[in-house]
């Protein structure tokens, strides 16, 4: 074994082999991190698209609720006959809810 600058050929081969092994591990980890980054990016895009859709749904439902509330306020403010009609409508709705809950409780037991 000849010595060259204080290193033997055996130790150079061992270091070279170790370097190749470290290089292989590092490239595997880098490939894993790259794939993970792509997965995170696709998930973020999907969530962003989902949130945009939900925002649009909330906008449309707030417009619907706003117009419905406006109609109810107009109905309440337009006179005594409309108030009686509104009272009867509320009583009918409450009656149907009570009837529905009664029927559901009978079906369960």
C-alpha atoms as a PDB file:
ATOM      1  CA  UNK A   1       0.000   0.000   0.000  1.00  0.00           C
ATOM      2  CA  UNK A   2       1.542   3.133  -1.194  1.00  0.00           C
ATOM      3  CA  UNK A   3       1.002   6.292   0.704  1.00  0.00           C
ATOM      4  CA  UNK A   4       0.120   9.390  -1.226  1.00  0.00           C
ATOM      5  CA  UNK A   5      -0.039  12.628   0.736  1.00  0.00           C
ATOM      6  CA  UNK A   6      -0.675  10.678   3.910  1.00  0.00           C
ATOM      7  CA  UNK A   7      -3.613   8.700   2.524  1.00  0.00           C
ATOM      8  CA  UNK A   8      -3.528   5.093   1.532  1.00  0.00           C
ATOM      9  CA  UNK A   9      -5.469   3.867  -1.455  1.00  0.00           C
ATOM     10  CA  UNK A  10      -7.632   1.756   0.866  1.00  0.00           C
ATOM     11  CA  UNK A  11      -8.716   4.738   2.927  1.00  0.00           C
ATOM     12  CA  UNK A  12      -9.356   6.757  -0.246  1.00  0.00           C
ATOM     13  CA  UNK A  13     -11.600   3.998  -1.556  1.00  0.00           C
ATOM     14  CA  UNK A  14     -13.423   3.820   1.778  1.00  0.00           C
ATOM     15  CA  UNK A  15     -13.935   7.582   1.800  1.00  0.00           C
ATOM     16  CA  UNK A  16     -15.062   7.520  -1.826  1.00  0.00           C
ATOM     17  CA  UNK A  17     -17.512   4.709  -1.070  1.00  0.00           C
ATOM     18  CA  UNK A  18     -18.816   6.583   1.955  1.00  0.00           C
ATOM     19  CA  UNK A  19     -19.200   9.756  -0.109  1.00  0.00           C
ATOM     20  CA  UNK A  20     -21.188   7.875  -2.764  1.00  0.00           C
ATOM     21  CA  UNK A  21     -23.432   6.430  -0.047  1.00  0.00           C
ATOM     22  CA  UNK A  22     -24.009   9.884   1.479  1.00  0.00           C
ATOM     23  CA  UNK A  23     -24.657  11.301  -1.973  1.00  0.00           C
ATOM     24  CA  UNK A  24     -27.232   8.580  -2.652  1.00  0.00           C
ATOM     25  CA  UNK A  25     -28.995   9.214   0.670  1.00  0.00           C
ATOM     26  CA  UNK A  26     -28.989  12.949   0.081  1.00  0.00           C
ATOM     27  CA  UNK A  27     -30.417  12.599  -3.418  1.00  0.00           C
ATOM     28  CA  UNK A  28     -33.143  10.266  -2.103  1.00  0.00           C
ATOM     29  CA  UNK A  29     -34.068  12.774   0.584  1.00  0.00           C
ATOM     30  CA  UNK A  30     -34.053  15.628  -1.934  1.00  0.00           C
ATOM     31  CA  UNK A  31     -36.332  13.645  -4.276  1.00  0.00           C
ATOM     32  CA  UNK A  32     -38.691  12.907  -1.372  1.00  0.00           C
ATOM     33  CA  UNK A  33     -38.795  16.575  -0.369  1.00  0.00           C
ATOM     34  CA  UNK A  34     -39.436  17.587  -3.979  1.00  0.00           C
ATOM     35  CA  UNK A  35     -42.383  15.192  -4.274  1.00  0.00           C
ATOM     36  CA  UNK A  36     -43.687  16.400  -0.928  1.00  0.00           C
ATOM     37  CA  UNK A  37     -43.489  20.006  -2.103  1.00  0.00           C
ATOM     38  CA  UNK A  38     -45.474  19.140  -5.257  1.00  0.00           C
ATOM     39  CA  UNK A  39     -48.132  17.392  -3.154  1.00  0.00           C
ATOM     40  CA  UNK A  40     -48.385  20.399  -0.836  1.00  0.00           C
ATOM     41  CA  UNK A  41     -48.735  22.698  -3.839  1.00  0.00           C
ATOM     42  CA  UNK A  42     -51.544  20.619  -5.363  1.00  0.00           C
ATOM     43  CA  UNK A  43     -53.352  20.427  -2.006  1.00  0.00           C
ATOM     44  CA  UNK A  44     -53.038  24.190  -1.563  1.00  0.00           C
ATOM     45  CA  UNK A  45     -54.473  24.785  -5.049  1.00  0.00           C
ATOM     46  CA  UNK A  46     -57.376  22.416  -4.342  1.00  0.00           C
ATOM     47  CA  UNK A  47     -58.147  24.123  -1.029  1.00  0.00           C
ATOM     48  CA  UNK A  48     -57.909  27.550  -2.643  1.00  0.00           C
ATOM     49  CA  UNK A  49     -60.385  26.481  -5.324  1.00  0.00           C
ATOM     50  CA  UNK A  50     -62.698  25.029  -2.661  1.00  0.00           C
ATOM     51  CA  UNK A  51     -62.580  28.224  -0.592  1.00  0.00           C
ATOM     52  CA  UNK A  52     -63.371  30.311  -3.680  1.00  0.00           C
ATOM     53  CA  UNK A  53     -66.422  28.136  -4.336  1.00  0.00           C
ATOM     54  CA  UNK A  54     -67.558  28.414  -0.716  1.00  0.00           C
ATOM     55  CA  UNK A  55     -67.116  32.188  -0.839  1.00  0.00           C
ATOM     56  CA  UNK A  56     -69.307  32.367  -3.930  1.00  0.00           C
ATOM     57  CA  UNK A  57     -71.945  30.223  -2.240  1.00  0.00           C
ATOM     58  CA  UNK A  58     -71.936  32.497   0.805  1.00  0.00           C
ATOM     59  CA  UNK A  59     -72.277  35.560  -1.411  1.00  0.00           C
ATOM     60  CA  UNK A  60     -75.280  34.103  -3.219  1.00  0.00           C
ATOM     61  CA  UNK A  61     -76.950  32.967   0.014  1.00  0.00           C
ATOM     62  CA  UNK A  62     -76.408  36.360   1.656  1.00  0.00           C
ATOM     63  CA  UNK A  63     -78.086  38.001  -1.350  1.00  0.00           C
ATOM     64  CA  UNK A  64     -81.017  35.596  -1.067  1.00  0.00           C
ATOM     65  CA  UNK A  65     -81.357  36.189   2.673  1.00  0.00           C
ATOM     66  CA  UNK A  66     -81.103  39.939   2.202  1.00  0.00           C
ATOM     67  CA  UNK A  67     -83.884  39.997  -0.378  1.00  0.00           C
ATOM     68  CA  UNK A  68     -86.062  37.717   1.775  1.00  0.00           C
ATOM     69  CA  UNK A  69     -85.556  39.939   4.807  1.00  0.00           C
ATOM     70  CA  UNK A  70     -86.461  42.958   2.685  1.00  0.00           C
ATOM     71  CA  UNK A  71     -89.709  41.291   1.618  1.00  0.00           C
ATOM     72  CA  UNK A  72     -90.577  40.404   5.224  1.00  0.00           C
ATOM     73  CA  UNK A  73     -89.931  43.980   6.354  1.00  0.00           C
ATOM     74  CA  UNK A  74     -92.069  45.279   3.496  1.00  0.00           C
ATOM     75  CA  UNK A  75     -94.833  42.864   4.503  1.00  0.00           C
ATOM     76  CA  UNK A  76     -94.654  43.942   8.144  1.00  0.00           C
ATOM     77  CA  UNK A  77     -94.669  47.623   7.315  1.00  0.00           C
ATOM     78  CA  UNK A  78     -97.564  47.668   4.882  1.00  0.00           C
ATOM     79  CA  UNK A  79    -100.569  47.564   7.211  1.00  0.00           C
ATOM     80  CA  UNK A  80    -102.836  45.672   9.557  1.00  0.00           C
ATOM     81  CA  UNK A  81    -104.139  43.120   7.035  1.00  0.00           C
ATOM     82  CA  UNK A  82    -100.622  42.011   6.165  1.00  0.00           C
ATOM     83  CA  UNK A  83     -99.806  41.671   9.856  1.00  0.00           C
ATOM     84  CA  UNK A  84    -102.749  39.345  10.323  1.00  0.00           C
ATOM     85  CA  UNK A  85    -101.661  37.346   7.309  1.00  0.00           C
ATOM     86  CA  UNK A  86     -98.128  37.164   8.705  1.00  0.00           C
ATOM     87  CA  UNK A  87     -99.456  36.003  12.084  1.00  0.00           C
ATOM     88  CA  UNK A  88    -101.512  33.253  10.457  1.00  0.00           C
ATOM     89  CA  UNK A  89     -98.535  32.181   8.345  1.00  0.00           C
ATOM     90  CA  UNK A  90     -96.308  31.932  11.420  1.00  0.00           C
ATOM     91  CA  UNK A  91     -98.961  29.934  13.298  1.00  0.00           C
ATOM     92  CA  UNK A  92     -99.311  27.499  10.390  1.00  0.00           C
ATOM     93  CA  UNK A  93     -95.524  27.024  10.181  1.00  0.00           C
ATOM     94  CA  UNK A  94     -95.306  26.400  13.930  1.00  0.00           C
ATOM     95  CA  UNK A  95     -98.200  23.928  13.710  1.00  0.00           C
ATOM     96  CA  UNK A  96     -96.460  21.987  10.951  1.00  0.00           C
ATOM     97  CA  UNK A  97     -93.202  21.850  12.931  1.00  0.00           C
ATOM     98  CA  UNK A  98     -95.033  20.525  15.996  1.00  0.00           C
ATOM     99  CA  UNK A  99     -96.907  17.998  13.862  1.00  0.00           C
ATOM    100  CA  UNK A 100     -93.688  16.905  12.157  1.00  0.00           C
ATOM    101  CA  UNK A 101     -91.864  16.457  15.468  1.00  0.00           C
ATOM    102  CA  UNK A 102     -94.808  14.454  16.825  1.00  0.00           C
ATOM    103  CA  UNK A 103     -94.807  12.169  13.786  1.00  0.00           C
ATOM    104  CA  UNK A 104     -91.049  11.661  13.991  1.00  0.00           C
ATOM    105  CA  UNK A 105     -91.264  10.748  17.673  1.00  0.00           C
ATOM    106  CA  UNK A 106     -94.048   8.222  16.906  1.00  0.00           C
ATOM    107  CA  UNK A 107     -91.994   6.629  14.136  1.00  0.00           C
ATOM    108  CA  UNK A 108     -88.947   6.240  16.388  1.00  0.00           C
ATOM    109  CA  UNK A 109     -90.856   4.562  19.208  1.00  0.00           C
END
